[in-house]
Amino acid sequence: MIDYNPKEWFKYIFYFQKGDTFRKLFPLMIAIGVYSSLVAYLLLIYFKLSDGTDLKNISIMHSLLGFVISMLLVFRTNTAYDRWWEGRKQWGMLMNNSRNLALKISALLSQEHQSERDFYKSMIPNYAYSLKNHLRGKYVSAEFEDTYCMKRSDLNIEDHVPNQIAAAIFSKTVDLQRRGVLLPEHVILLNSELESFTNICGACERIKNTPIPLSYSSFIKKFIFSYCLTLPIGYVFSLHFLIIPFVMFVFYILASLEVIAEEIEDPFGEDSNDLPIERICSGIRTSAYALLK
């Protein structure tokens, strides 16, 4: 995620980062410009249609459909942003619950049980990093910190790694209760944070694995494409060759909204507009170290 100052206007008007929609849509904008040039040449120069009264009526269709397409794109953008914000809330919950778990473990386990404290100090951040990599479809062994009872070699990377780590944390908690280090009421106190790990993982998987239905996304793309292809025919007699930049600009605006929605509806990747989960994982590790040192 890119950090920026939202109060700076002039700087970001002329700023194009790597993932900017202008870069992605530039080839299509050129194609639309060439198409508009061809339409303008044929109607104004080749066929010498100076009036085109019948064709001008197409502009009425654009006026009617403009409201429809704007409502569709607003709904599309809001739906994608809801998914982005829901992902941010889940990772914020993971941060809070990780801190609460570390805080409670720090109070319940004395310094005499330093090895157990070290276990939680490493495994709580390990869960966050494993969830991040799980959502990105990869495994980064260097981000896993070994403990005295669980090492990298104990993980089956072909299986669900976050579940394995969550199971190890819960098993250790139950084992401490059986040994009398923790009381049964202590386990009840820790249960909500332990359960939340799997609940958060399931919510993030739901967001990632349930994209917008294909038919809906396909319809919006077809609508935008058809709308822009008919723009030169309806407005060429009013704007003449100025129709070329006009259509390119309209296409850029409409298509950019769809591209942005596609990018943010899966907020767990490494795109410039995705969630800062690397920073959140680092914050969880820093908090666990500070509370359980």
C-alpha atoms as a PDB file:
ATOM      1  CA  MET A   1       0.000   0.000   0.000  1.00  0.00           C
ATOM      2  CA  ILE A   2       1.283   3.459  -0.918  1.00  0.00           C
ATOM      3  CA  ASP A   3       1.435   6.069   1.859  1.00  0.00           C
ATOM      4  CA  TYR A   4       0.485   9.556   0.732  1.00  0.00           C
ATOM      5  CA  ASN A   5      -0.872  12.869   1.969  1.00  0.00           C
ATOM      6  CA  PRO A   6      -4.506  13.182   0.784  1.00  0.00           C
ATOM      7  CA  LYS A   7      -4.361  16.954   1.185  1.00  0.00           C
ATOM      8  CA  GLU A   8      -1.811  17.363  -1.611  1.00  0.00           C
ATOM      9  CA  TRP A   9      -3.666  17.940  -4.873  1.00  0.00           C
ATOM     10  CA  PHE A  10      -1.229  19.238  -7.444  1.00  0.00           C
ATOM     11  CA  LYS A  11       1.418  16.573  -6.785  1.00  0.00           C
ATOM     12  CA  TYR A  12      -0.889  13.627  -7.384  1.00  0.00           C
ATOM     13  CA  ILE A  13      -2.632  15.081 -10.430  1.00  0.00           C
ATOM     14  CA  PHE A  14       0.571  14.494 -12.395  1.00  0.00           C
ATOM     15  CA  TYR A  15       1.734  11.422 -10.458  1.00  0.00           C
ATOM     16  CA  PHE A  16       1.566   8.017 -12.143  1.00  0.00           C
ATOM     17  CA  GLN A  17       2.678   5.047 -10.110  1.00  0.00           C
ATOM     18  CA  LYS A  18       3.393   1.622 -11.554  1.00  0.00           C
ATOM     19  CA  GLY A  19      -0.140   0.332 -11.013  1.00  0.00           C
ATOM     20  CA  ASP A  20      -1.916   3.484 -12.215  1.00  0.00           C
ATOM     21  CA  THR A  21      -4.948   2.857 -14.402  1.00  0.00           C
ATOM     22  CA  PHE A  22      -3.584   5.161 -17.120  1.00  0.00           C
ATOM     23  CA  ARG A  23      -0.659   2.797 -17.728  1.00  0.00           C
ATOM     24  CA  LYS A  24      -2.929  -0.240 -17.812  1.00  0.00           C
ATOM     25  CA  LEU A  25      -5.495   1.320 -20.142  1.00  0.00           C
ATOM     26  CA  PHE A  26      -3.099   3.192 -22.430  1.00  0.00           C
ATOM     27  CA  PRO A  27      -3.088   0.528 -25.215  1.00  0.00           C
ATOM     28  CA  LEU A  28      -6.889   0.387 -25.204  1.00  0.00           C
ATOM     29  CA  MET A  29      -7.084   4.181 -25.211  1.00  0.00           C
ATOM     30  CA  ILE A  30      -4.889   4.279 -28.296  1.00  0.00           C
ATOM     31  CA  ALA A  31      -7.118   1.683 -29.970  1.00  0.00           C
ATOM     32  CA  ILE A  32     -10.219   3.716 -29.112  1.00  0.00           C
ATOM     33  CA  GLY A  33      -8.518   6.827 -30.478  1.00  0.00           C
ATOM     34  CA  VAL A  34      -7.684   5.099 -33.766  1.00  0.00           C
ATOM     35  CA  TYR A  35     -11.264   3.825 -34.035  1.00  0.00           C
ATOM     36  CA  SER A  36     -12.656   7.322 -33.383  1.00  0.00           C
ATOM     37  CA  SER A  37     -10.301   8.774 -36.007  1.00  0.00           C
ATOM     38  CA  LEU A  38     -11.515   6.227 -38.552  1.00  0.00           C
ATOM     39  CA  VAL A  39     -15.171   6.984 -37.810  1.00  0.00           C
ATOM     40  CA  ALA A  40     -14.566  10.741 -38.060  1.00  0.00           C
ATOM     41  CA  TYR A  41     -12.690  10.364 -41.335  1.00  0.00           C
ATOM     42  CA  LEU A  42     -15.328   8.156 -42.925  1.00  0.00           C
ATOM     43  CA  LEU A  43     -18.306  10.292 -41.912  1.00  0.00           C
ATOM     44  CA  LEU A  44     -16.792  13.752 -42.376  1.00  0.00           C
ATOM     45  CA  ILE A  45     -14.240  13.315 -45.188  1.00  0.00           C
ATOM     46  CA  TYR A  46     -15.012  10.145 -47.126  1.00  0.00           C
ATOM     47  CA  PHE A  47     -18.831  10.204 -47.133  1.00  0.00           C
ATOM     48  CA  LYS A  48     -18.948  13.991 -46.587  1.00  0.00           C
ATOM     49  CA  LEU A  49     -21.927  13.886 -44.278  1.00  0.00           C
ATOM     50  CA  SER A  50     -22.115  17.420 -42.955  1.00  0.00           C
ATOM     51  CA  ASP A  51     -25.419  17.084 -41.128  1.00  0.00           C
ATOM     52  CA  GLY A  52     -26.046  13.488 -40.095  1.00  0.00           C
ATOM     53  CA  THR A  53     -29.390  14.298 -38.464  1.00  0.00           C
ATOM     54  CA  ASP A  54     -30.356  10.652 -38.085  1.00  0.00           C
ATOM     55  CA  LEU A  55     -27.020   9.729 -36.589  1.00  0.00           C
ATOM     56  CA  LYS A  56     -27.210  12.613 -34.138  1.00  0.00           C
ATOM     57  CA  ASN A  57     -30.162  10.889 -32.525  1.00  0.00           C
ATOM     58  CA  ILE A  58     -27.707   8.328 -31.145  1.00  0.00           C
ATOM     59  CA  SER A  59     -26.549  11.022 -28.717  1.00  0.00           C
ATOM     60  CA  ILE A  60     -29.992  10.844 -27.096  1.00  0.00           C
ATOM     61  CA  MET A  61     -29.323   7.188 -26.355  1.00  0.00           C
ATOM     62  CA  HIS A  62     -26.034   8.135 -24.699  1.00  0.00           C
ATOM     63  CA  SER A  63     -27.806  10.683 -22.509  1.00  0.00           C
ATOM     64  CA  LEU A  64     -30.244   8.019 -21.342  1.00  0.00           C
ATOM     65  CA  LEU A  65     -27.627   5.324 -20.846  1.00  0.00           C
ATOM     66  CA  GLY A  66     -25.146   7.652 -19.152  1.00  0.00           C
ATOM     67  CA  PHE A  67     -27.176   7.618 -15.945  1.00  0.00           C
ATOM     68  CA  VAL A  68     -27.536   3.828 -16.060  1.00  0.00           C
ATOM     69  CA  ILE A  69     -23.834   3.185 -16.556  1.00  0.00           C
ATOM     70  CA  SER A  70     -22.918   5.649 -13.804  1.00  0.00           C
ATOM     71  CA  MET A  71     -25.201   3.844 -11.339  1.00  0.00           C
ATOM     72  CA  LEU A  72     -23.701   0.480 -12.318  1.00  0.00           C
ATOM     73  CA  LEU A  73     -20.155   1.746 -11.812  1.00  0.00           C
ATOM     74  CA  VAL A  74     -21.011   3.344  -8.468  1.00  0.00           C
ATOM     75  CA  PHE A  75     -22.489   0.059  -7.280  1.00  0.00           C
ATOM     76  CA  ARG A  76     -19.461  -1.831  -8.617  1.00  0.00           C
ATOM     77  CA  THR A  77     -16.987   0.476  -6.887  1.00  0.00           C
ATOM     78  CA  ASN A  78     -18.879   0.442  -3.589  1.00  0.00           C
ATOM     79  CA  THR A  79     -19.058  -3.354  -3.638  1.00  0.00           C
ATOM     80  CA  ALA A  80     -15.310  -3.632  -4.232  1.00  0.00           C
ATOM     81  CA  TYR A  81     -14.539  -1.063  -1.538  1.00  0.00           C
ATOM     82  CA  ASP A  82     -16.731  -2.940   0.944  1.00  0.00           C
ATOM     83  CA  ARG A  83     -14.572  -6.015   0.366  1.00  0.00           C
ATOM     84  CA  TRP A  84     -11.397  -3.943   0.816  1.00  0.00           C
ATOM     85  CA  TRP A  85     -12.673  -2.389   4.038  1.00  0.00           C
ATOM     86  CA  GLU A  86     -13.928  -5.723   5.368  1.00  0.00           C
ATOM     87  CA  GLY A  87     -10.436  -7.143   4.819  1.00  0.00           C
ATOM     88  CA  ARG A  88      -8.946  -4.175   6.677  1.00  0.00           C
ATOM     89  CA  LYS A  89     -11.311  -4.725   9.612  1.00  0.00           C
ATOM     90  CA  GLN A  90     -10.370  -8.397   9.793  1.00  0.00           C
ATOM     91  CA  TRP A  91      -6.649  -7.608   9.882  1.00  0.00           C
ATOM     92  CA  GLY A  92      -7.246  -4.885  12.447  1.00  0.00           C
ATOM     93  CA  MET A  93      -9.069  -7.465  14.543  1.00  0.00           C
ATOM     94  CA  LEU A  94      -6.129  -9.838  14.143  1.00  0.00           C
ATOM     95  CA  MET A  95      -3.785  -7.107  15.394  1.00  0.00           C
ATOM     96  CA  ASN A  96      -5.971  -6.385  18.442  1.00  0.00           C
ATOM     97  CA  ASN A  97      -6.536 -10.041  19.329  1.00  0.00           C
ATOM     98  CA  SER A  98      -2.848 -10.847  18.950  1.00  0.00           C
ATOM     99  CA  ARG A  99      -1.971  -8.048  21.363  1.00  0.00           C
ATOM    100  CA  ASN A 100      -4.685  -9.143  23.799  1.00  0.00           C
ATOM    101  CA  LEU A 101      -3.469 -12.742  23.695  1.00  0.00           C
ATOM    102  CA  ALA A 102       0.134 -11.670  24.298  1.00  0.00           C
ATOM    103  CA  LEU A 103      -0.997  -9.364  27.106  1.00  0.00           C
ATOM    104  CA  LYS A 104      -2.950 -12.124  28.848  1.00  0.00           C
ATOM    105  CA  ILE A 105      -0.186 -14.695  28.408  1.00  0.00           C
ATOM    106  CA  SER A 106       2.305 -12.216  29.831  1.00  0.00           C
ATOM    107  CA  ALA A 107       0.161 -11.827  32.955  1.00  0.00           C
ATOM    108  CA  LEU A 108      -0.676 -15.527  33.358  1.00  0.00           C
ATOM    109  CA  LEU A 109       2.797 -16.986  32.793  1.00  0.00           C
ATOM    110  CA  SER A 110       5.525 -15.929  35.176  1.00  0.00           C
ATOM    111  CA  GLN A 111       9.178 -15.509  34.275  1.00  0.00           C
ATOM    112  CA  GLU A 112       9.759 -19.037  35.547  1.00  0.00           C
ATOM    113  CA  HIS A 113       8.038 -20.286  32.391  1.00  0.00           C
ATOM    114  CA  GLN A 114      10.191 -18.306  29.972  1.00  0.00           C
ATOM    115  CA  SER A 115      10.296 -21.109  27.389  1.00  0.00           C
ATOM    116  CA  GLU A 116       6.472 -21.073  27.182  1.00  0.00           C
ATOM    117  CA  ARG A 117       6.473 -17.277  26.980  1.00  0.00           C
ATOM    118  CA  ASP A 118       8.997 -17.499  24.142  1.00  0.00           C
ATOM    119  CA  PHE A 119       6.720 -19.991  22.405  1.00  0.00           C
ATOM    120  CA  TYR A 120       3.822 -17.546  22.319  1.00  0.00           C
ATOM    121  CA  LYS A 121       6.161 -14.657  21.506  1.00  0.00           C
ATOM    122  CA  SER A 122       7.152 -16.422  18.281  1.00  0.00           C
ATOM    123  CA  MET A 123       3.964 -18.282  17.381  1.00  0.00           C
ATOM    124  CA  ILE A 124       1.575 -15.330  17.573  1.00  0.00           C
ATOM    125  CA  PRO A 125       3.494 -13.416  14.857  1.00  0.00           C
ATOM    126  CA  ASN A 126       4.059 -16.690  12.986  1.00  0.00           C
ATOM    127  CA  TYR A 127       0.311 -17.025  12.599  1.00  0.00           C
ATOM    128  CA  ALA A 128      -0.020 -13.519  11.146  1.00  0.00           C
ATOM    129  CA  TYR A 129       2.788 -14.071   8.637  1.00  0.00           C
ATOM    130  CA  SER A 130       1.467 -17.506   7.665  1.00  0.00           C
ATOM    131  CA  LEU A 131      -2.026 -16.065   7.079  1.00  0.00           C
ATOM    132  CA  LYS A 132      -0.546 -13.307   4.895  1.00  0.00           C
ATOM    133  CA  ASN A 133       1.341 -15.833   2.779  1.00  0.00           C
ATOM    134  CA  HIS A 134      -1.614 -18.226   2.693  1.00  0.00           C
ATOM    135  CA  LEU A 135      -3.836 -15.496   1.228  1.00  0.00           C
ATOM    136  CA  ARG A 136      -1.138 -14.776  -1.363  1.00  0.00           C
ATOM    137  CA  GLY A 137      -0.801 -18.461  -2.268  1.00  0.00           C
ATOM    138  CA  LYS A 138       2.818 -18.905  -1.208  1.00  0.00           C
ATOM    139  CA  TYR A 139       5.025 -19.937   1.711  1.00  0.00           C
ATOM    140  CA  VAL A 140       8.008 -17.914   2.958  1.00  0.00           C
ATOM    141  CA  SER A 141      10.020 -20.071   5.347  1.00  0.00           C
ATOM    142  CA  ALA A 142      12.285 -17.190   6.435  1.00  0.00           C
ATOM    143  CA  GLU A 143       9.347 -15.441   8.105  1.00  0.00           C
ATOM    144  CA  PHE A 144       8.684 -18.395  10.434  1.00  0.00           C
ATOM    145  CA  GLU A 145      10.494 -18.303  13.780  1.00  0.00           C
ATOM    146  CA  ASP A 146      11.373 -21.687  15.266  1.00  0.00           C
ATOM    147  CA  THR A 147      10.350 -22.506  18.830  1.00  0.00           C
ATOM    148  CA  TYR A 148      11.521 -25.224  21.166  1.00  0.00           C
ATOM    149  CA  CYS A 149       8.532 -27.432  20.306  1.00  0.00           C
ATOM    150  CA  MET A 150       7.705 -26.389  16.718  1.00  0.00           C
ATOM    151  CA  LYS A 151      10.128 -25.775  13.879  1.00  0.00           C
ATOM    152  CA  ARG A 152       9.867 -25.044  10.177  1.00  0.00           C
ATOM    153  CA  SER A 153      10.469 -28.726   9.397  1.00  0.00           C
ATOM    154  CA  ASP A 154       7.340 -29.643  11.366  1.00  0.00           C
ATOM    155  CA  LEU A 155       5.092 -27.739   8.973  1.00  0.00           C
ATOM    156  CA  ASN A 156       3.445 -29.406   6.010  1.00  0.00           C
ATOM    157  CA  ILE A 157       3.538 -26.587   3.483  1.00  0.00           C
ATOM    158  CA  GLU A 158       1.179 -28.495   1.181  1.00  0.00           C
ATOM    159  CA  ASP A 159      -1.496 -28.284   3.866  1.00  0.00           C
ATOM    160  CA  HIS A 160      -3.214 -25.313   5.529  1.00  0.00           C
ATOM    161  CA  VAL A 161      -0.272 -23.666   7.331  1.00  0.00           C
ATOM    162  CA  PRO A 162      -2.284 -21.138   9.414  1.00  0.00           C
ATOM    163  CA  ASN A 163      -4.440 -23.961  10.756  1.00  0.00           C
ATOM    164  CA  GLN A 164      -1.337 -25.912  11.768  1.00  0.00           C
ATOM    165  CA  ILE A 165       0.022 -22.935  13.700  1.00  0.00           C
ATOM    166  CA  ALA A 166      -3.346 -22.180  15.310  1.00  0.00           C
ATOM    167  CA  ALA A 167      -3.623 -25.836  16.353  1.00  0.00           C
ATOM    168  CA  ALA A 168      -0.130 -25.722  17.874  1.00  0.00           C
ATOM    169  CA  ILE A 169      -0.985 -22.581  19.888  1.00  0.00           C
ATOM    170  CA  PHE A 170      -4.243 -24.089  21.160  1.00  0.00           C
ATOM    171  CA  SER A 171      -2.565 -27.424  21.958  1.00  0.00           C
ATOM    172  CA  LYS A 172       0.132 -25.657  23.954  1.00  0.00           C
ATOM    173  CA  THR A 173      -2.520 -23.758  25.916  1.00  0.00           C
ATOM    174  CA  VAL A 174      -4.399 -26.970  26.735  1.00  0.00           C
ATOM    175  CA  ASP A 175      -1.130 -28.671  27.680  1.00  0.00           C
ATOM    176  CA  LEU A 176      -0.304 -25.867  30.119  1.00  0.00           C
ATOM    177  CA  GLN A 177      -3.720 -26.292  31.689  1.00  0.00           C
ATOM    178  CA  ARG A 178      -3.223 -30.048  32.060  1.00  0.00           C
ATOM    179  CA  ARG A 179       0.150 -29.470  33.721  1.00  0.00           C
ATOM    180  CA  GLY A 180      -1.393 -27.033  36.172  1.00  0.00           C
ATOM    181  CA  VAL A 181       0.493 -24.005  34.868  1.00  0.00           C
ATOM    182  CA  LEU A 182      -2.800 -22.470  33.770  1.00  0.00           C
ATOM    183  CA  LEU A 183      -6.097 -22.870  35.547  1.00  0.00           C
ATOM    184  CA  PRO A 184      -9.253 -23.940  33.639  1.00  0.00           C
ATOM    185  CA  GLU A 185     -10.675 -20.428  34.015  1.00  0.00           C
ATOM    186  CA  HIS A 186      -7.481 -19.075  32.431  1.00  0.00           C
ATOM    187  CA  VAL A 187      -8.104 -21.169  29.328  1.00  0.00           C
ATOM    188  CA  ILE A 188     -11.655 -19.802  29.172  1.00  0.00           C
ATOM    189  CA  LEU A 189     -10.171 -16.301  29.393  1.00  0.00           C
ATOM    190  CA  LEU A 190      -7.864 -17.033  26.441  1.00  0.00           C
ATOM    191  CA  ASN A 191     -10.430 -18.910  24.381  1.00  0.00           C
ATOM    192  CA  SER A 192     -11.932 -15.915  22.569  1.00  0.00           C
ATOM    193  CA  GLU A 193      -8.541 -14.796  21.194  1.00  0.00           C
ATOM    194  CA  LEU A 194      -7.587 -18.357  20.236  1.00  0.00           C
ATOM    195  CA  GLU A 195     -10.868 -18.881  18.388  1.00  0.00           C
ATOM    196  CA  SER A 196     -10.629 -15.519  16.639  1.00  0.00           C
ATOM    197  CA  PHE A 197      -7.552 -16.606  14.681  1.00  0.00           C
ATOM    198  CA  THR A 198      -9.487 -19.237  12.746  1.00  0.00           C
ATOM    199  CA  ASN A 199     -12.545 -16.981  12.427  1.00  0.00           C
ATOM    200  CA  ILE A 200     -10.441 -14.196  10.895  1.00  0.00           C
ATOM    201  CA  CYS A 201      -8.759 -16.659   8.547  1.00  0.00           C
ATOM    202  CA  GLY A 202     -12.151 -17.920   7.362  1.00  0.00           C
ATOM    203  CA  ALA A 203     -13.434 -14.376   6.785  1.00  0.00           C
ATOM    204  CA  CYS A 204     -10.359 -13.458   4.725  1.00  0.00           C
ATOM    205  CA  GLU A 205     -10.671 -16.648   2.686  1.00  0.00           C
ATOM    206  CA  ARG A 206     -14.305 -15.803   2.006  1.00  0.00           C
ATOM    207  CA  ILE A 207     -13.310 -12.378   0.665  1.00  0.00           C
ATOM    208  CA  LYS A 208     -10.503 -13.779  -1.474  1.00  0.00           C
ATOM    209  CA  ASN A 209     -12.296 -16.832  -2.872  1.00  0.00           C
ATOM    210  CA  THR A 210     -15.637 -15.206  -3.665  1.00  0.00           C
ATOM    211  CA  PRO A 211     -15.113 -12.613  -6.408  1.00  0.00           C
ATOM    212  CA  ILE A 212     -17.923 -10.708  -8.063  1.00  0.00           C
ATOM    213  CA  PRO A 213     -19.964 -13.046 -10.335  1.00  0.00           C
ATOM    214  CA  LEU A 214     -18.468 -13.392 -13.812  1.00  0.00           C
ATOM    215  CA  SER A 215     -21.703 -12.532 -15.614  1.00  0.00           C
ATOM    216  CA  TYR A 216     -21.950  -9.233 -13.733  1.00  0.00           C
ATOM    217  CA  SER A 217     -18.346  -8.233 -14.352  1.00  0.00           C
ATOM    218  CA  SER A 218     -18.574  -9.269 -18.003  1.00  0.00           C
ATOM    219  CA  PHE A 219     -21.768  -7.266 -18.497  1.00  0.00           C
ATOM    220  CA  ILE A 220     -20.181  -4.062 -17.157  1.00  0.00           C
ATOM    221  CA  LYS A 221     -17.190  -4.449 -19.496  1.00  0.00           C
ATOM    222  CA  LYS A 222     -19.462  -5.048 -22.488  1.00  0.00           C
ATOM    223  CA  PHE A 223     -21.602  -2.069 -21.513  1.00  0.00           C
ATOM    224  CA  ILE A 224     -18.594   0.283 -21.258  1.00  0.00           C
ATOM    225  CA  PHE A 225     -17.150  -1.011 -24.534  1.00  0.00           C
ATOM    226  CA  SER A 226     -20.424  -0.640 -26.460  1.00  0.00           C
ATOM    227  CA  TYR A 227     -21.072   2.785 -24.972  1.00  0.00           C
ATOM    228  CA  CYS A 228     -17.666   4.114 -26.039  1.00  0.00           C
ATOM    229  CA  LEU A 229     -17.818   2.532 -29.502  1.00  0.00           C
ATOM    230  CA  THR A 230     -21.043   4.370 -30.307  1.00  0.00           C
ATOM    231  CA  LEU A 231     -19.896   7.717 -28.899  1.00  0.00           C
ATOM    232  CA  PRO A 232     -18.058   8.841 -32.081  1.00  0.00           C
ATOM    233  CA  ILE A 233     -21.104   8.145 -34.259  1.00  0.00           C
ATOM    234  CA  GLY A 234     -23.411  10.236 -32.080  1.00  0.00           C
ATOM    235  CA  TYR A 235     -21.125  13.243 -31.459  1.00  0.00           C
ATOM    236  CA  VAL A 236     -18.823  13.450 -34.477  1.00  0.00           C
ATOM    237  CA  PHE A 237     -21.008  16.034 -36.235  1.00  0.00           C
ATOM    238  CA  SER A 238     -20.984  18.276 -33.166  1.00  0.00           C
ATOM    239  CA  LEU A 239     -17.337  17.913 -32.176  1.00  0.00           C
ATOM    240  CA  HIS A 240     -15.800  16.933 -35.525  1.00  0.00           C
ATOM    241  CA  PHE A 241     -12.235  15.665 -34.979  1.00  0.00           C
ATOM    242  CA  LEU A 242     -12.321  16.744 -31.352  1.00  0.00           C
ATOM    243  CA  ILE A 243     -14.336  13.563 -30.887  1.00  0.00           C
ATOM    244  CA  ILE A 244     -11.021  11.659 -30.745  1.00  0.00           C
ATOM    245  CA  PRO A 245      -9.712  13.020 -27.403  1.00  0.00           C
ATOM    246  CA  PHE A 246     -13.291  13.235 -26.110  1.00  0.00           C
ATOM    247  CA  VAL A 247     -13.959   9.511 -26.561  1.00  0.00           C
ATOM    248  CA  MET A 248     -10.509   8.568 -25.240  1.00  0.00           C
ATOM    249  CA  PHE A 249     -11.134  10.599 -22.088  1.00  0.00           C
ATOM    250  CA  VAL A 250     -14.626   9.153 -21.513  1.00  0.00           C
ATOM    251  CA  PHE A 251     -13.275   5.625 -21.977  1.00  0.00           C
ATOM    252  CA  TYR A 252     -10.445   6.344 -19.539  1.00  0.00           C
ATOM    253  CA  ILE A 253     -12.865   7.545 -16.848  1.00  0.00           C
ATOM    254  CA  LEU A 254     -15.338   4.671 -17.186  1.00  0.00           C
ATOM    255  CA  ALA A 255     -12.789   1.883 -17.604  1.00  0.00           C
ATOM    256  CA  SER A 256     -10.618   3.210 -14.753  1.00  0.00           C
ATOM    257  CA  LEU A 257     -13.464   2.734 -12.286  1.00  0.00           C
ATOM    258  CA  GLU A 258     -13.799  -0.902 -13.344  1.00  0.00           C
ATOM    259  CA  VAL A 259     -10.023  -1.488 -13.177  1.00  0.00           C
ATOM    260  CA  ILE A 260      -9.791   0.061  -9.700  1.00  0.00           C
ATOM    261  CA  ALA A 261     -12.707  -2.069  -8.509  1.00  0.00           C
ATOM    262  CA  GLU A 262     -11.025  -5.222  -9.841  1.00  0.00           C
ATOM    263  CA  GLU A 263      -7.814  -4.346  -8.009  1.00  0.00           C
ATOM    264  CA  ILE A 264      -9.248  -3.584  -4.580  1.00  0.00           C
ATOM    265  CA  GLU A 265     -11.816  -6.403  -4.435  1.00  0.00           C
ATOM    266  CA  ASP A 266      -8.912  -8.763  -3.583  1.00  0.00           C
ATOM    267  CA  PRO A 267      -7.117  -6.638  -0.956  1.00  0.00           C
ATOM    268  CA  PHE A 268      -4.569  -9.198   0.221  1.00  0.00           C
ATOM    269  CA  GLY A 269      -2.118  -9.098  -2.683  1.00  0.00           C
ATOM    270  CA  GLU A 270       0.931  -6.957  -3.343  1.00  0.00           C
ATOM    271  CA  ASP A 271      -0.602  -4.281  -5.583  1.00  0.00           C
ATOM    272  CA  SER A 272      -0.131  -0.629  -4.726  1.00  0.00           C
ATOM    273  CA  ASN A 273      -3.729  -0.256  -3.499  1.00  0.00           C
ATOM    274  CA  ASP A 274      -3.870  -3.475  -1.460  1.00  0.00           C
ATOM    275  CA  LEU A 275      -3.870  -3.615   2.330  1.00  0.00           C
ATOM    276  CA  PRO A 276      -0.596  -2.958   4.224  1.00  0.00           C
ATOM    277  CA  ILE A 277      -0.578  -6.436   5.745  1.00  0.00           C
ATOM    278  CA  GLU A 278       3.222  -6.578   5.749  1.00  0.00           C
ATOM    279  CA  ARG A 279       3.196  -3.618   8.133  1.00  0.00           C
ATOM    280  CA  ILE A 280       0.443  -5.193  10.242  1.00  0.00           C
ATOM    281  CA  CYS A 281       2.432  -8.435  10.574  1.00  0.00           C
ATOM    282  CA  SER A 282       5.496  -6.458  11.608  1.00  0.00           C
ATOM    283  CA  GLY A 283       3.411  -4.589  14.175  1.00  0.00           C
ATOM    284  CA  ILE A 284       2.104  -7.858  15.619  1.00  0.00           C
ATOM    285  CA  ARG A 285       5.662  -9.182  15.980  1.00  0.00           C
ATOM    286  CA  THR A 286       6.824  -5.968  17.623  1.00  0.00           C
ATOM    287  CA  SER A 287       3.908  -6.026  20.078  1.00  0.00           C
ATOM    288  CA  ALA A 288       4.419  -9.695  20.952  1.00  0.00           C
ATOM    289  CA  TYR A 289       8.125  -9.090  21.593  1.00  0.00           C
ATOM    290  CA  ALA A 290       7.400  -6.073  23.789  1.00  0.00           C
ATOM    291  CA  LEU A 291       4.757  -7.843  25.880  1.00  0.00           C
ATOM    292  CA  LEU A 292       6.467 -11.237  26.229  1.00  0.00           C
ATOM    293  CA  LYS A 293      10.137 -10.308  26.421  1.00  0.00           C
END
